[in-house]
Amino acid sequence: MPDQIPGRHHTAAPTSVLLTIGEAAQLLRTPVATLRYWRHLGTGPHSFRLGRRVLYRRDDLRAWIDARHDADSAGRS
């Protein structure tokens, strides 16, 4: 199927997969309500709206996890 937008090529890497809030919660092993609360506070992983849905990029979730891990490791040293 040809690209609908001329000059735009979508070559999504496996890590740039979009996840729903439920899928993100599953990946983070946290309740959906916690993700909603973090989103409200602006402290959680980067998310965005696409229409009525809140979505997360898998690579953003992994980067957020790594940043929390690095901050925790630095605090222990």
C-alpha atoms as a PDB file:
ATOM      1  CA  MET A   1       0.000   0.000   0.000  1.00  0.00           C
ATOM      2  CA  PRO A   2       1.521   3.343  -0.979  1.00  0.00           C
ATOM      3  CA  ASP A   3       2.271   5.953   1.652  1.00  0.00           C
ATOM      4  CA  GLN A   4      -0.670   8.335   2.152  1.00  0.00           C
ATOM      5  CA  ILE A   5       1.574  11.361   2.797  1.00  0.00           C
ATOM      6  CA  PRO A   6       3.969  12.132  -0.065  1.00  0.00           C
ATOM      7  CA  GLY A   7       7.597  12.262   0.991  1.00  0.00           C
ATOM      8  CA  ARG A   8       6.899  10.605   4.349  1.00  0.00           C
ATOM      9  CA  HIS A   9       8.477   7.244   5.024  1.00  0.00           C
ATOM     10  CA  HIS A  10       7.485   5.432   8.184  1.00  0.00           C
ATOM     11  CA  THR A  11      10.164   3.001   9.229  1.00  0.00           C
ATOM     12  CA  ALA A  12       9.249   2.288  12.816  1.00  0.00           C
ATOM     13  CA  ALA A  13      11.922   0.607  14.857  1.00  0.00           C
ATOM     14  CA  PRO A  14      10.708  -2.211  17.105  1.00  0.00           C
ATOM     15  CA  THR A  15      11.260  -0.014  20.182  1.00  0.00           C
ATOM     16  CA  SER A  16       9.032   2.811  18.921  1.00  0.00           C
ATOM     17  CA  VAL A  17       5.913   0.709  19.321  1.00  0.00           C
ATOM     18  CA  LEU A  18       2.927   2.609  20.723  1.00  0.00           C
ATOM     19  CA  LEU A  19       1.341   1.214  23.877  1.00  0.00           C
ATOM     20  CA  THR A  20      -1.994   1.992  25.485  1.00  0.00           C
ATOM     21  CA  ILE A  21      -2.074   3.024  29.126  1.00  0.00           C
ATOM     22  CA  GLY A  22      -3.086  -0.529  30.062  1.00  0.00           C
ATOM     23  CA  GLU A  23      -0.169  -2.029  28.146  1.00  0.00           C
ATOM     24  CA  ALA A  24       2.230   0.516  29.642  1.00  0.00           C
ATOM     25  CA  ALA A  25       0.966  -0.322  33.131  1.00  0.00           C
ATOM     26  CA  GLN A  26       1.542  -4.000  32.421  1.00  0.00           C
ATOM     27  CA  LEU A  27       5.090  -3.312  31.222  1.00  0.00           C
ATOM     28  CA  LEU A  28       5.837  -1.206  34.304  1.00  0.00           C
ATOM     29  CA  ARG A  29       3.981  -3.645  36.584  1.00  0.00           C
ATOM     30  CA  THR A  30       1.988  -0.813  38.108  1.00  0.00           C
ATOM     31  CA  PRO A  31      -1.750  -0.099  38.264  1.00  0.00           C
ATOM     32  CA  VAL A  32      -3.316   2.000  35.502  1.00  0.00           C
ATOM     33  CA  ALA A  33      -4.484   4.419  38.220  1.00  0.00           C
ATOM     34  CA  THR A  34      -0.851   5.034  39.192  1.00  0.00           C
ATOM     35  CA  LEU A  35       0.061   5.896  35.606  1.00  0.00           C
ATOM     36  CA  ARG A  36      -2.888   8.285  35.455  1.00  0.00           C
ATOM     37  CA  TYR A  37      -1.764   9.911  38.690  1.00  0.00           C
ATOM     38  CA  TRP A  38       1.840  10.245  37.481  1.00  0.00           C
ATOM     39  CA  ARG A  39       0.521  11.771  34.251  1.00  0.00           C
ATOM     40  CA  HIS A  40      -1.523  14.264  36.294  1.00  0.00           C
ATOM     41  CA  LEU A  41       1.546  15.192  38.366  1.00  0.00           C
ATOM     42  CA  GLY A  42       3.829  15.282  35.304  1.00  0.00           C
ATOM     43  CA  THR A  43       6.284  12.888  36.961  1.00  0.00           C
ATOM     44  CA  GLY A  44       5.737   9.695  35.008  1.00  0.00           C
ATOM     45  CA  PRO A  45       7.006   8.550  31.644  1.00  0.00           C
ATOM     46  CA  HIS A  46       6.288  10.733  28.607  1.00  0.00           C
ATOM     47  CA  SER A  47       2.829  10.146  27.188  1.00  0.00           C
ATOM     48  CA  PHE A  48       0.625  11.854  24.639  1.00  0.00           C
ATOM     49  CA  ARG A  49      -2.935  11.905  23.412  1.00  0.00           C
ATOM     50  CA  LEU A  50      -3.930  10.608  20.033  1.00  0.00           C
ATOM     51  CA  GLY A  51      -7.583  11.460  19.774  1.00  0.00           C
ATOM     52  CA  ARG A  52      -9.120  10.301  23.043  1.00  0.00           C
ATOM     53  CA  ARG A  53      -6.439   7.726  23.789  1.00  0.00           C
ATOM     54  CA  VAL A  54      -3.378   8.193  25.964  1.00  0.00           C
ATOM     55  CA  LEU A  55      -0.397   6.455  24.398  1.00  0.00           C
ATOM     56  CA  TYR A  56       3.185   5.726  25.379  1.00  0.00           C
ATOM     57  CA  ARG A  57       6.165   4.905  23.189  1.00  0.00           C
ATOM     58  CA  ARG A  58       7.929   1.778  24.366  1.00  0.00           C
ATOM     59  CA  ASP A  59      11.348   3.464  24.044  1.00  0.00           C
ATOM     60  CA  ASP A  60      10.114   6.368  26.240  1.00  0.00           C
ATOM     61  CA  LEU A  61       9.074   3.880  28.925  1.00  0.00           C
ATOM     62  CA  ARG A  62      12.448   2.159  28.809  1.00  0.00           C
ATOM     63  CA  ALA A  63      14.274   5.516  28.952  1.00  0.00           C
ATOM     64  CA  TRP A  64      12.176   6.533  31.958  1.00  0.00           C
ATOM     65  CA  ILE A  65      12.932   3.226  33.712  1.00  0.00           C
ATOM     66  CA  ASP A  66      16.658   3.646  32.990  1.00  0.00           C
ATOM     67  CA  ALA A  67      16.621   7.229  34.315  1.00  0.00           C
ATOM     68  CA  ARG A  68      14.954   6.095  37.566  1.00  0.00           C
ATOM     69  CA  HIS A  69      17.469   3.266  37.884  1.00  0.00           C
ATOM     70  CA  ASP A  70      20.429   5.573  37.244  1.00  0.00           C
ATOM     71  CA  ALA A  71      19.132   8.146  39.759  1.00  0.00           C
ATOM     72  CA  ASP A  72      18.654   5.431  42.366  1.00  0.00           C
ATOM     73  CA  SER A  73      22.119   4.009  41.719  1.00  0.00           C
ATOM     74  CA  ALA A  74      23.715   7.468  42.000  1.00  0.00           C
ATOM     75  CA  GLY A  75      21.914   8.071  45.302  1.00  0.00           C
ATOM     76  CA  ARG A  76      23.364   4.896  46.785  1.00  0.00           C
ATOM     77  CA  SER A  77      26.983   5.723  45.916  1.00  0.00           C
END
